[in-house]
């Protein structure tokens, strides 16, 4: 399907004022995402999303691109859509990963109640497993504890997340948690 351009100049998905099929905008958005060209990825994926609903993988790409271009609230909206889409597809682990990113963005924006809610929701989805999502969500619980001033609990939570990252050979939660441990030590004057 064609992607409609907006008034005021060339838009993602437009070439020389002509409309470009949605598939072209989507392909360009995916390529820009892989190149870490966040602004281009956001524009192209947004254009594709405006033409037809994106699949959950592409929704996650759009959310990341929006977050990394300073559009945190818009990213939260898209991660919520991705979460719902993964749930419809029956993929609780991928839905939990979206829950992690929702919690991460919200907690770092100071929205502690919403962030804690997403952490709890995502933890329920992966209850009984000890995969990478648990490590990420341990990080979110610890981050929430930092913002609540519960530094001993935060320190313990970050240590759990570091251990989980090392055990699962997943550098993501481990790297975040190392930063969290450092933050706790600073706050504890250590």
C-alpha atoms as a PDB file:
ATOM      1  CA  UNK A   1       0.000   0.000   0.000  1.00  0.00           C
ATOM      2  CA  UNK A   2       1.220   3.526  -0.635  1.00  0.00           C
ATOM      3  CA  UNK A   3       2.392   5.681   2.228  1.00  0.00           C
ATOM      4  CA  UNK A   4       0.856   9.140   2.177  1.00  0.00           C
ATOM      5  CA  UNK A   5       3.281  12.007   2.595  1.00  0.00           C
ATOM      6  CA  UNK A   6       2.514  15.006   4.801  1.00  0.00           C
ATOM      7  CA  UNK A   7       2.491  18.562   3.599  1.00  0.00           C
ATOM      8  CA  UNK A   8       5.706  20.474   3.954  1.00  0.00           C
ATOM      9  CA  UNK A   9       8.341  18.399   2.189  1.00  0.00           C
ATOM     10  CA  UNK A  10       9.516  14.925   1.408  1.00  0.00           C
ATOM     11  CA  UNK A  11       8.458  12.354   3.949  1.00  0.00           C
ATOM     12  CA  UNK A  12       9.725   8.907   4.814  1.00  0.00           C
ATOM     13  CA  UNK A  13       8.442   6.611   2.148  1.00  0.00           C
ATOM     14  CA  UNK A  14       8.324   9.386  -0.455  1.00  0.00           C
ATOM     15  CA  UNK A  15      10.681   9.793  -3.415  1.00  0.00           C
ATOM     16  CA  UNK A  16      10.634  13.082  -5.215  1.00  0.00           C
ATOM     17  CA  UNK A  17       7.046  13.747  -4.172  1.00  0.00           C
ATOM     18  CA  UNK A  18       5.855  10.289  -5.309  1.00  0.00           C
ATOM     19  CA  UNK A  19       4.285   7.804  -2.939  1.00  0.00           C
ATOM     20  CA  UNK A  20       6.320   4.706  -2.182  1.00  0.00           C
ATOM     21  CA  UNK A  21       4.762   1.372  -1.282  1.00  0.00           C
ATOM     22  CA  UNK A  22       4.521   0.633   2.431  1.00  0.00           C
ATOM     23  CA  UNK A  23       6.857  -2.337   1.947  1.00  0.00           C
ATOM     24  CA  UNK A  24       9.611   0.058   0.798  1.00  0.00           C
ATOM     25  CA  UNK A  25       9.202   2.244   3.886  1.00  0.00           C
ATOM     26  CA  UNK A  26       9.260  -0.860   6.070  1.00  0.00           C
ATOM     27  CA  UNK A  27      12.360  -2.258   4.371  1.00  0.00           C
ATOM     28  CA  UNK A  28      14.114   1.116   4.649  1.00  0.00           C
ATOM     29  CA  UNK A  29      13.121   1.345   8.321  1.00  0.00           C
ATOM     30  CA  UNK A  30      14.492  -2.107   9.066  1.00  0.00           C
ATOM     31  CA  UNK A  31      17.734  -1.331   7.260  1.00  0.00           C
ATOM     32  CA  UNK A  32      18.119   1.997   9.084  1.00  0.00           C
ATOM     33  CA  UNK A  33      17.475   0.189  12.375  1.00  0.00           C
ATOM     34  CA  UNK A  34      20.215  -2.351  11.629  1.00  0.00           C
ATOM     35  CA  UNK A  35      22.575   0.541  10.819  1.00  0.00           C
ATOM     36  CA  UNK A  36      21.586   2.231  14.106  1.00  0.00           C
ATOM     37  CA  UNK A  37      20.315   5.234  12.147  1.00  0.00           C
ATOM     38  CA  UNK A  38      17.652   5.853  14.758  1.00  0.00           C
ATOM     39  CA  UNK A  39      16.037   8.986  13.320  1.00  0.00           C
ATOM     40  CA  UNK A  40      15.721   7.458   9.850  1.00  0.00           C
ATOM     41  CA  UNK A  41      14.443   4.183  11.317  1.00  0.00           C
ATOM     42  CA  UNK A  42      11.839   6.056  13.351  1.00  0.00           C
ATOM     43  CA  UNK A  43      10.615   8.045  10.332  1.00  0.00           C
ATOM     44  CA  UNK A  44      10.405   5.071   7.997  1.00  0.00           C
ATOM     45  CA  UNK A  45       8.872   2.677  10.522  1.00  0.00           C
ATOM     46  CA  UNK A  46       6.360   5.343  11.546  1.00  0.00           C
ATOM     47  CA  UNK A  47       5.395   5.822   7.921  1.00  0.00           C
ATOM     48  CA  UNK A  48       4.979   2.082   7.466  1.00  0.00           C
ATOM     49  CA  UNK A  49       2.937   1.855  10.674  1.00  0.00           C
ATOM     50  CA  UNK A  50       0.677   4.632   9.440  1.00  0.00           C
ATOM     51  CA  UNK A  51      -0.059   2.622   6.303  1.00  0.00           C
ATOM     52  CA  UNK A  52      -0.680  -0.747   7.976  1.00  0.00           C
ATOM     53  CA  UNK A  53      -0.224  -2.098  11.502  1.00  0.00           C
ATOM     54  CA  UNK A  54       3.295  -3.375  12.093  1.00  0.00           C
ATOM     55  CA  UNK A  55       4.060  -6.886  13.294  1.00  0.00           C
ATOM     56  CA  UNK A  56       5.400  -7.148  16.870  1.00  0.00           C
ATOM     57  CA  UNK A  57       9.074  -7.328  15.817  1.00  0.00           C
ATOM     58  CA  UNK A  58       8.710  -4.103  13.855  1.00  0.00           C
ATOM     59  CA  UNK A  59       6.755  -2.490  16.694  1.00  0.00           C
ATOM     60  CA  UNK A  60       9.716  -3.210  18.963  1.00  0.00           C
ATOM     61  CA  UNK A  61      12.063  -1.663  16.402  1.00  0.00           C
ATOM     62  CA  UNK A  62       9.874   1.426  16.221  1.00  0.00           C
ATOM     63  CA  UNK A  63       9.730   1.696  20.018  1.00  0.00           C
ATOM     64  CA  UNK A  64      13.525   1.494  20.319  1.00  0.00           C
ATOM     65  CA  UNK A  65      13.991   4.074  17.558  1.00  0.00           C
ATOM     66  CA  UNK A  66      11.545   6.433  19.237  1.00  0.00           C
ATOM     67  CA  UNK A  67      13.173   5.976  22.643  1.00  0.00           C
ATOM     68  CA  UNK A  68      16.642   6.618  21.231  1.00  0.00           C
ATOM     69  CA  UNK A  69      15.462   9.752  19.429  1.00  0.00           C
ATOM     70  CA  UNK A  70      14.115  11.276  22.645  1.00  0.00           C
ATOM     71  CA  UNK A  71      10.469  10.288  22.231  1.00  0.00           C
ATOM     72  CA  UNK A  72      10.125   8.309  25.448  1.00  0.00           C
ATOM     73  CA  UNK A  73       6.346   8.602  25.891  1.00  0.00           C
ATOM     74  CA  UNK A  74       5.729   7.675  22.253  1.00  0.00           C
ATOM     75  CA  UNK A  75       8.070   4.702  22.725  1.00  0.00           C
ATOM     76  CA  UNK A  76       6.056   3.592  25.760  1.00  0.00           C
ATOM     77  CA  UNK A  77       2.896   3.614  23.648  1.00  0.00           C
ATOM     78  CA  UNK A  78       4.517   1.476  20.949  1.00  0.00           C
ATOM     79  CA  UNK A  79       6.082  -0.977  23.439  1.00  0.00           C
ATOM     80  CA  UNK A  80       2.585  -1.376  24.924  1.00  0.00           C
ATOM     81  CA  UNK A  81       1.246  -2.252  21.473  1.00  0.00           C
ATOM     82  CA  UNK A  82       4.108  -4.699  20.941  1.00  0.00           C
ATOM     83  CA  UNK A  83       3.407  -6.293  24.330  1.00  0.00           C
ATOM     84  CA  UNK A  84      -0.260  -6.798  23.420  1.00  0.00           C
ATOM     85  CA  UNK A  85       0.690  -8.160  20.010  1.00  0.00           C
ATOM     86  CA  UNK A  86       3.115 -10.704  21.498  1.00  0.00           C
ATOM     87  CA  UNK A  87       0.401 -11.752  23.945  1.00  0.00           C
ATOM     88  CA  UNK A  88      -2.016 -12.308  21.033  1.00  0.00           C
ATOM     89  CA  UNK A  89       0.705 -14.402  19.363  1.00  0.00           C
ATOM     90  CA  UNK A  90       1.082 -16.450  22.578  1.00  0.00           C
ATOM     91  CA  UNK A  91       4.715 -15.456  23.154  1.00  0.00           C
ATOM     92  CA  UNK A  92       4.920 -14.621  26.866  1.00  0.00           C
ATOM     93  CA  UNK A  93       8.723 -14.260  26.831  1.00  0.00           C
ATOM     94  CA  UNK A  94       8.708 -11.623  24.102  1.00  0.00           C
ATOM     95  CA  UNK A  95       5.771  -9.891  25.811  1.00  0.00           C
ATOM     96  CA  UNK A  96       7.814  -9.887  29.035  1.00  0.00           C
ATOM     97  CA  UNK A  97      10.760  -8.330  27.201  1.00  0.00           C
ATOM     98  CA  UNK A  98       8.490  -5.502  26.070  1.00  0.00           C
ATOM     99  CA  UNK A  99       7.349  -5.229  29.695  1.00  0.00           C
ATOM    100  CA  UNK A 100      10.980  -4.843  30.732  1.00  0.00           C
ATOM    101  CA  UNK A 101      11.530  -1.981  28.292  1.00  0.00           C
ATOM    102  CA  UNK A 102       8.284  -0.357  29.373  1.00  0.00           C
ATOM    103  CA  UNK A 103       9.357  -0.566  33.009  1.00  0.00           C
ATOM    104  CA  UNK A 104      12.865   0.675  32.172  1.00  0.00           C
ATOM    105  CA  UNK A 105      11.570   3.722  30.295  1.00  0.00           C
ATOM    106  CA  UNK A 106       8.924   4.554  32.886  1.00  0.00           C
ATOM    107  CA  UNK A 107      11.180   4.130  35.916  1.00  0.00           C
ATOM    108  CA  UNK A 108      13.859   6.310  34.343  1.00  0.00           C
ATOM    109  CA  UNK A 109      11.194   8.931  33.592  1.00  0.00           C
ATOM    110  CA  UNK A 110      10.241   8.964  37.284  1.00  0.00           C
ATOM    111  CA  UNK A 111       6.934   7.148  36.753  1.00  0.00           C
ATOM    112  CA  UNK A 112       7.555   4.683  39.557  1.00  0.00           C
ATOM    113  CA  UNK A 113       4.032   3.288  39.926  1.00  0.00           C
ATOM    114  CA  UNK A 114       3.610   2.582  36.208  1.00  0.00           C
ATOM    115  CA  UNK A 115       7.131   1.165  35.996  1.00  0.00           C
ATOM    116  CA  UNK A 116       6.552  -1.109  38.986  1.00  0.00           C
ATOM    117  CA  UNK A 117       3.266  -2.245  37.457  1.00  0.00           C
ATOM    118  CA  UNK A 118       4.938  -3.257  34.210  1.00  0.00           C
ATOM    119  CA  UNK A 119       7.721  -5.009  36.124  1.00  0.00           C
ATOM    120  CA  UNK A 120       5.169  -7.037  38.092  1.00  0.00           C
ATOM    121  CA  UNK A 121       3.141  -7.848  34.965  1.00  0.00           C
ATOM    122  CA  UNK A 122       6.216  -9.007  33.069  1.00  0.00           C
ATOM    123  CA  UNK A 123       7.457 -11.088  36.009  1.00  0.00           C
ATOM    124  CA  UNK A 124       4.114 -12.912  36.099  1.00  0.00           C
ATOM    125  CA  UNK A 125       4.567 -13.788  32.439  1.00  0.00           C
ATOM    126  CA  UNK A 126       7.909 -15.516  33.047  1.00  0.00           C
ATOM    127  CA  UNK A 127       7.106 -16.919  36.480  1.00  0.00           C
ATOM    128  CA  UNK A 128       8.744 -20.284  37.002  1.00  0.00           C
ATOM    129  CA  UNK A 129      11.537 -19.702  34.504  1.00  0.00           C
ATOM    130  CA  UNK A 130      14.972 -18.276  35.120  1.00  0.00           C
ATOM    131  CA  UNK A 131      15.823 -16.954  31.680  1.00  0.00           C
ATOM    132  CA  UNK A 132      17.237 -13.677  30.516  1.00  0.00           C
ATOM    133  CA  UNK A 133      13.963 -11.836  31.086  1.00  0.00           C
ATOM    134  CA  UNK A 134      14.181 -12.613  34.796  1.00  0.00           C
ATOM    135  CA  UNK A 135      17.609 -10.971  34.920  1.00  0.00           C
ATOM    136  CA  UNK A 136      16.289  -7.894  33.159  1.00  0.00           C
ATOM    137  CA  UNK A 137      13.284  -7.698  35.456  1.00  0.00           C
ATOM    138  CA  UNK A 138      15.470  -8.116  38.559  1.00  0.00           C
ATOM    139  CA  UNK A 139      17.261  -5.031  37.304  1.00  0.00           C
ATOM    140  CA  UNK A 140      13.942  -3.142  37.105  1.00  0.00           C
ATOM    141  CA  UNK A 141      12.970  -4.157  40.646  1.00  0.00           C
ATOM    142  CA  UNK A 142      16.364  -2.959  41.880  1.00  0.00           C
ATOM    143  CA  UNK A 143      16.079   0.302  39.937  1.00  0.00           C
ATOM    144  CA  UNK A 144      12.691   0.912  41.518  1.00  0.00           C
ATOM    145  CA  UNK A 145      14.244   0.289  44.937  1.00  0.00           C
ATOM    146  CA  UNK A 146      16.922   2.922  44.214  1.00  0.00           C
ATOM    147  CA  UNK A 147      14.271   5.507  43.407  1.00  0.00           C
ATOM    148  CA  UNK A 148      12.389   4.532  46.573  1.00  0.00           C
ATOM    149  CA  UNK A 149      15.579   5.072  48.612  1.00  0.00           C
ATOM    150  CA  UNK A 150      15.859   1.378  49.539  1.00  0.00           C
ATOM    151  CA  UNK A 151      19.561   1.133  48.760  1.00  0.00           C
ATOM    152  CA  UNK A 152      20.297  -2.189  50.497  1.00  0.00           C
ATOM    153  CA  UNK A 153      17.461  -3.888  48.601  1.00  0.00           C
ATOM    154  CA  UNK A 154      18.586  -2.209  45.379  1.00  0.00           C
ATOM    155  CA  UNK A 155      22.168  -3.369  45.886  1.00  0.00           C
ATOM    156  CA  UNK A 156      21.001  -6.954  46.453  1.00  0.00           C
ATOM    157  CA  UNK A 157      18.738  -6.813  43.400  1.00  0.00           C
ATOM    158  CA  UNK A 158      21.455  -5.455  41.147  1.00  0.00           C
ATOM    159  CA  UNK A 159      23.826  -8.173  42.411  1.00  0.00           C
ATOM    160  CA  UNK A 160      21.193 -10.814  41.488  1.00  0.00           C
ATOM    161  CA  UNK A 161      20.845  -9.299  38.025  1.00  0.00           C
ATOM    162  CA  UNK A 162      24.641  -9.290  37.526  1.00  0.00           C
ATOM    163  CA  UNK A 163      24.775 -12.947  38.553  1.00  0.00           C
ATOM    164  CA  UNK A 164      21.889 -13.842  36.240  1.00  0.00           C
ATOM    165  CA  UNK A 165      23.546 -12.083  33.322  1.00  0.00           C
ATOM    166  CA  UNK A 166      26.818 -13.935  33.921  1.00  0.00           C
ATOM    167  CA  UNK A 167      25.110 -17.302  34.388  1.00  0.00           C
ATOM    168  CA  UNK A 168      22.970 -16.902  31.287  1.00  0.00           C
ATOM    169  CA  UNK A 169      25.771 -15.355  29.201  1.00  0.00           C
ATOM    170  CA  UNK A 170      23.438 -12.419  28.535  1.00  0.00           C
ATOM    171  CA  UNK A 171      25.417  -9.179  28.698  1.00  0.00           C
ATOM    172  CA  UNK A 172      22.362  -6.896  28.656  1.00  0.00           C
ATOM    173  CA  UNK A 173      21.048  -7.197  32.195  1.00  0.00           C
ATOM    174  CA  UNK A 174      24.540  -7.710  33.588  1.00  0.00           C
ATOM    175  CA  UNK A 175      25.830  -4.477  32.096  1.00  0.00           C
ATOM    176  CA  UNK A 176      22.827  -2.490  33.290  1.00  0.00           C
ATOM    177  CA  UNK A 177      23.080  -4.038  36.732  1.00  0.00           C
ATOM    178  CA  UNK A 178      26.819  -3.254  36.988  1.00  0.00           C
ATOM    179  CA  UNK A 179      25.903   0.394  36.491  1.00  0.00           C
ATOM    180  CA  UNK A 180      23.188   0.031  39.122  1.00  0.00           C
ATOM    181  CA  UNK A 181      25.639  -1.478  41.608  1.00  0.00           C
ATOM    182  CA  UNK A 182      27.986   1.441  41.006  1.00  0.00           C
ATOM    183  CA  UNK A 183      25.117   3.867  41.579  1.00  0.00           C
ATOM    184  CA  UNK A 184      24.286   2.150  44.874  1.00  0.00           C
ATOM    185  CA  UNK A 185      27.887   2.300  46.041  1.00  0.00           C
ATOM    186  CA  UNK A 186      28.014   6.016  45.293  1.00  0.00           C
ATOM    187  CA  UNK A 187      24.767   6.612  47.175  1.00  0.00           C
ATOM    188  CA  UNK A 188      26.100   4.536  50.083  1.00  0.00           C
ATOM    189  CA  UNK A 189      29.320   6.627  50.093  1.00  0.00           C
ATOM    190  CA  UNK A 190      31.373   3.544  49.266  1.00  0.00           C
END
